[in-house]
Amino acid sequence: MPNVPWTTLLNHFPTVLRAVDTLMETSRRNAAARDTAPVLDALNHRVTAIEEQQRAAAGVLKQIAEDASGLAQQVNTITVATETAAAALRRALVVAIIAAVLALAACIGVVVLWARG
């Protein structure tokens, strides 16, 4: 049976343990990187999709804002036209009331002159 150099083995045992620990840690890191690579790729695709959706949503919101601005201008134009028409209608109503009062006065005058005869 060969002689085993136990003292040499025991002296180098901490070095062997450090080497084993380093090998285990490297293996774990490599396995973690290998296992997380597909997850990171999937997350990258999802982030890219979300960014595209946000760009599209921003475009839609910009279009809505432009449409709302145009709508506000149209409402403003209609409001001005309505106020102008209301003022014209009030003037016409005043003229019609004056004409009705004059017509009534004329009718009363005609009736009075006819009654005197």
C-alpha atoms as a PDB file:
ATOM      1  CA  MET A   1       0.000   0.000   0.000  1.00  0.00           C
ATOM      2  CA  PRO A   2       1.408   3.393  -0.992  1.00  0.00           C
ATOM      3  CA  ASN A   3       2.208   5.992   1.573  1.00  0.00           C
ATOM      4  CA  VAL A   4      -0.302   8.905   1.471  1.00  0.00           C
ATOM      5  CA  PRO A   5       1.244  12.258   2.336  1.00  0.00           C
ATOM      6  CA  TRP A   6      -1.387  13.196   4.877  1.00  0.00           C
ATOM      7  CA  THR A   7       0.432  16.231   6.172  1.00  0.00           C
ATOM      8  CA  THR A   8       0.711  17.717   2.695  1.00  0.00           C
ATOM      9  CA  LEU A   9      -2.953  17.013   2.012  1.00  0.00           C
ATOM     10  CA  LEU A  10      -4.000  18.582   5.308  1.00  0.00           C
ATOM     11  CA  ASN A  11      -1.778  21.625   4.698  1.00  0.00           C
ATOM     12  CA  HIS A  12      -3.341  22.224   1.261  1.00  0.00           C
ATOM     13  CA  PHE A  13      -6.890  21.379   2.338  1.00  0.00           C
ATOM     14  CA  PRO A  14      -7.949  25.072   2.808  1.00  0.00           C
ATOM     15  CA  THR A  15      -6.662  25.868  -0.679  1.00  0.00           C
ATOM     16  CA  VAL A  16      -8.629  22.961  -2.119  1.00  0.00           C
ATOM     17  CA  LEU A  17     -11.761  24.122  -0.263  1.00  0.00           C
ATOM     18  CA  ARG A  18     -11.326  27.674  -1.603  1.00  0.00           C
ATOM     19  CA  ALA A  19     -10.925  26.288  -5.115  1.00  0.00           C
ATOM     20  CA  VAL A  20     -14.065  24.173  -4.689  1.00  0.00           C
ATOM     21  CA  ASP A  21     -15.983  27.205  -3.335  1.00  0.00           C
ATOM     22  CA  THR A  22     -14.811  29.325  -6.274  1.00  0.00           C
ATOM     23  CA  LEU A  23     -15.798  26.606  -8.726  1.00  0.00           C
ATOM     24  CA  MET A  24     -19.238  26.251  -7.096  1.00  0.00           C
ATOM     25  CA  GLU A  25     -19.791  30.030  -7.137  1.00  0.00           C
ATOM     26  CA  THR A  26     -18.739  30.281 -10.784  1.00  0.00           C
ATOM     27  CA  SER A  27     -21.044  27.400 -11.658  1.00  0.00           C
ATOM     28  CA  ARG A  28     -23.933  29.060  -9.823  1.00  0.00           C
ATOM     29  CA  ARG A  29     -23.315  32.398 -11.586  1.00  0.00           C
ATOM     30  CA  ASN A  30     -23.112  30.713 -14.975  1.00  0.00           C
ATOM     31  CA  ALA A  31     -26.276  28.737 -14.269  1.00  0.00           C
ATOM     32  CA  ALA A  32     -28.036  31.889 -13.057  1.00  0.00           C
ATOM     33  CA  ALA A  33     -26.968  33.794 -16.164  1.00  0.00           C
ATOM     34  CA  ARG A  34     -28.055  30.912 -18.374  1.00  0.00           C
ATOM     35  CA  ASP A  35     -31.411  30.623 -16.582  1.00  0.00           C
ATOM     36  CA  THR A  36     -32.147  34.363 -16.515  1.00  0.00           C
ATOM     37  CA  ALA A  37     -31.192  35.101 -20.125  1.00  0.00           C
ATOM     38  CA  PRO A  38     -34.603  34.061 -21.554  1.00  0.00           C
ATOM     39  CA  VAL A  39     -36.390  35.970 -18.797  1.00  0.00           C
ATOM     40  CA  LEU A  40     -34.350  39.086 -19.529  1.00  0.00           C
ATOM     41  CA  ASP A  41     -35.065  38.746 -23.248  1.00  0.00           C
ATOM     42  CA  ALA A  42     -38.787  38.402 -22.551  1.00  0.00           C
ATOM     43  CA  LEU A  43     -38.698  41.443 -20.265  1.00  0.00           C
ATOM     44  CA  ASN A  44     -36.813  43.413 -22.902  1.00  0.00           C
ATOM     45  CA  HIS A  45     -39.491  42.550 -25.486  1.00  0.00           C
ATOM     46  CA  ARG A  46     -42.244  43.547 -23.053  1.00  0.00           C
ATOM     47  CA  VAL A  47     -40.568  46.863 -22.273  1.00  0.00           C
ATOM     48  CA  THR A  48     -40.172  47.544 -25.989  1.00  0.00           C
ATOM     49  CA  ALA A  49     -43.853  46.744 -26.561  1.00  0.00           C
ATOM     50  CA  ILE A  50     -44.884  49.021 -23.685  1.00  0.00           C
ATOM     51  CA  GLU A  51     -42.753  51.844 -25.083  1.00  0.00           C
ATOM     52  CA  GLU A  52     -44.408  51.428 -28.487  1.00  0.00           C
ATOM     53  CA  GLN A  53     -47.842  51.457 -26.869  1.00  0.00           C
ATOM     54  CA  GLN A  54     -46.953  54.621 -24.959  1.00  0.00           C
ATOM     55  CA  ARG A  55     -45.788  56.303 -28.170  1.00  0.00           C
ATOM     56  CA  ALA A  56     -49.040  55.310 -29.869  1.00  0.00           C
ATOM     57  CA  ALA A  57     -51.082  56.543 -26.884  1.00  0.00           C
ATOM     58  CA  ALA A  58     -49.197  59.844 -26.941  1.00  0.00           C
ATOM     59  CA  GLY A  59     -50.019  60.208 -30.623  1.00  0.00           C
ATOM     60  CA  VAL A  60     -53.692  59.514 -29.965  1.00  0.00           C
ATOM     61  CA  LEU A  61     -53.753  62.011 -27.087  1.00  0.00           C
ATOM     62  CA  LYS A  62     -52.111  64.629 -29.294  1.00  0.00           C
ATOM     63  CA  GLN A  63     -54.745  64.024 -31.989  1.00  0.00           C
ATOM     64  CA  ILE A  64     -57.524  64.257 -29.389  1.00  0.00           C
ATOM     65  CA  ALA A  65     -56.088  67.548 -28.122  1.00  0.00           C
ATOM     66  CA  GLU A  66     -55.963  68.928 -31.663  1.00  0.00           C
ATOM     67  CA  ASP A  67     -59.531  67.769 -32.305  1.00  0.00           C
ATOM     68  CA  ALA A  68     -60.683  69.316 -29.028  1.00  0.00           C
ATOM     69  CA  SER A  69     -59.006  72.588 -29.981  1.00  0.00           C
ATOM     70  CA  GLY A  70     -60.788  72.556 -33.344  1.00  0.00           C
ATOM     71  CA  LEU A  71     -64.065  71.716 -31.628  1.00  0.00           C
ATOM     72  CA  ALA A  72     -63.570  74.580 -29.177  1.00  0.00           C
ATOM     73  CA  GLN A  73     -63.029  76.958 -32.093  1.00  0.00           C
ATOM     74  CA  GLN A  74     -66.205  75.720 -33.745  1.00  0.00           C
ATOM     75  CA  VAL A  75     -68.180  76.116 -30.512  1.00  0.00           C
ATOM     76  CA  ASN A  76     -66.776  79.634 -30.153  1.00  0.00           C
ATOM     77  CA  THR A  77     -67.827  80.484 -33.724  1.00  0.00           C
ATOM     78  CA  ILE A  78     -71.325  79.097 -33.124  1.00  0.00           C
ATOM     79  CA  THR A  79     -71.575  81.050 -29.847  1.00  0.00           C
ATOM     80  CA  VAL A  80     -70.647  84.326 -31.573  1.00  0.00           C
ATOM     81  CA  ALA A  81     -73.135  83.626 -34.385  1.00  0.00           C
ATOM     82  CA  THR A  82     -75.869  82.794 -31.862  1.00  0.00           C
ATOM     83  CA  GLU A  83     -75.222  85.977 -29.876  1.00  0.00           C
ATOM     84  CA  THR A  84     -75.340  88.026 -33.113  1.00  0.00           C
ATOM     85  CA  ALA A  85     -78.599  86.347 -34.150  1.00  0.00           C
ATOM     86  CA  ALA A  86     -80.085  86.918 -30.683  1.00  0.00           C
ATOM     87  CA  ALA A  87     -79.226  90.621 -30.836  1.00  0.00           C
ATOM     88  CA  ALA A  88     -80.807  90.898 -34.301  1.00  0.00           C
ATOM     89  CA  LEU A  89     -83.884  89.048 -33.051  1.00  0.00           C
ATOM     90  CA  ARG A  90     -84.222  91.442 -30.085  1.00  0.00           C
ATOM     91  CA  ARG A  91     -84.041  94.441 -32.454  1.00  0.00           C
ATOM     92  CA  ALA A  92     -86.668  92.860 -34.724  1.00  0.00           C
ATOM     93  CA  LEU A  93     -88.883  92.175 -31.695  1.00  0.00           C
ATOM     94  CA  VAL A  94     -88.623  95.806 -30.580  1.00  0.00           C
ATOM     95  CA  VAL A  95     -89.514  96.999 -34.104  1.00  0.00           C
ATOM     96  CA  ALA A  96     -92.438  94.524 -34.241  1.00  0.00           C
ATOM     97  CA  ILE A  97     -93.786  95.727 -30.870  1.00  0.00           C
ATOM     98  CA  ILE A  98     -93.524  99.356 -31.993  1.00  0.00           C
ATOM     99  CA  ALA A  99     -95.301  98.478 -35.261  1.00  0.00           C
ATOM    100  CA  ALA A 100     -98.019  96.612 -33.362  1.00  0.00           C
ATOM    101  CA  VAL A 101     -98.555  99.569 -31.008  1.00  0.00           C
ATOM    102  CA  LEU A 102     -98.745 101.961 -33.987  1.00  0.00           C
ATOM    103  CA  ALA A 103    -101.153  99.613 -35.800  1.00  0.00           C
ATOM    104  CA  LEU A 104    -103.336  99.353 -32.697  1.00  0.00           C
ATOM    105  CA  ALA A 105    -103.299 103.146 -32.318  1.00  0.00           C
ATOM    106  CA  ALA A 106    -104.250 103.504 -35.987  1.00  0.00           C
ATOM    107  CA  CYS A 107    -107.121 101.014 -35.577  1.00  0.00           C
ATOM    108  CA  ILE A 108    -108.376 102.859 -32.520  1.00  0.00           C
ATOM    109  CA  GLY A 109    -108.104 106.151 -34.413  1.00  0.00           C
ATOM    110  CA  VAL A 110    -110.052 104.724 -37.358  1.00  0.00           C
ATOM    111  CA  VAL A 111    -112.758 103.353 -35.053  1.00  0.00           C
ATOM    112  CA  VAL A 112    -113.038 106.669 -33.257  1.00  0.00           C
ATOM    113  CA  LEU A 113    -113.274 108.620 -36.540  1.00  0.00           C
ATOM    114  CA  TRP A 114    -115.818 106.156 -37.914  1.00  0.00           C
ATOM    115  CA  ALA A 115    -117.909 106.366 -34.753  1.00  0.00           C
ATOM    116  CA  ARG A 116    -118.060 110.201 -34.987  1.00  0.00           C
ATOM    117  CA  GLY A 117    -118.984 109.843 -38.423  1.00  0.00           C
END
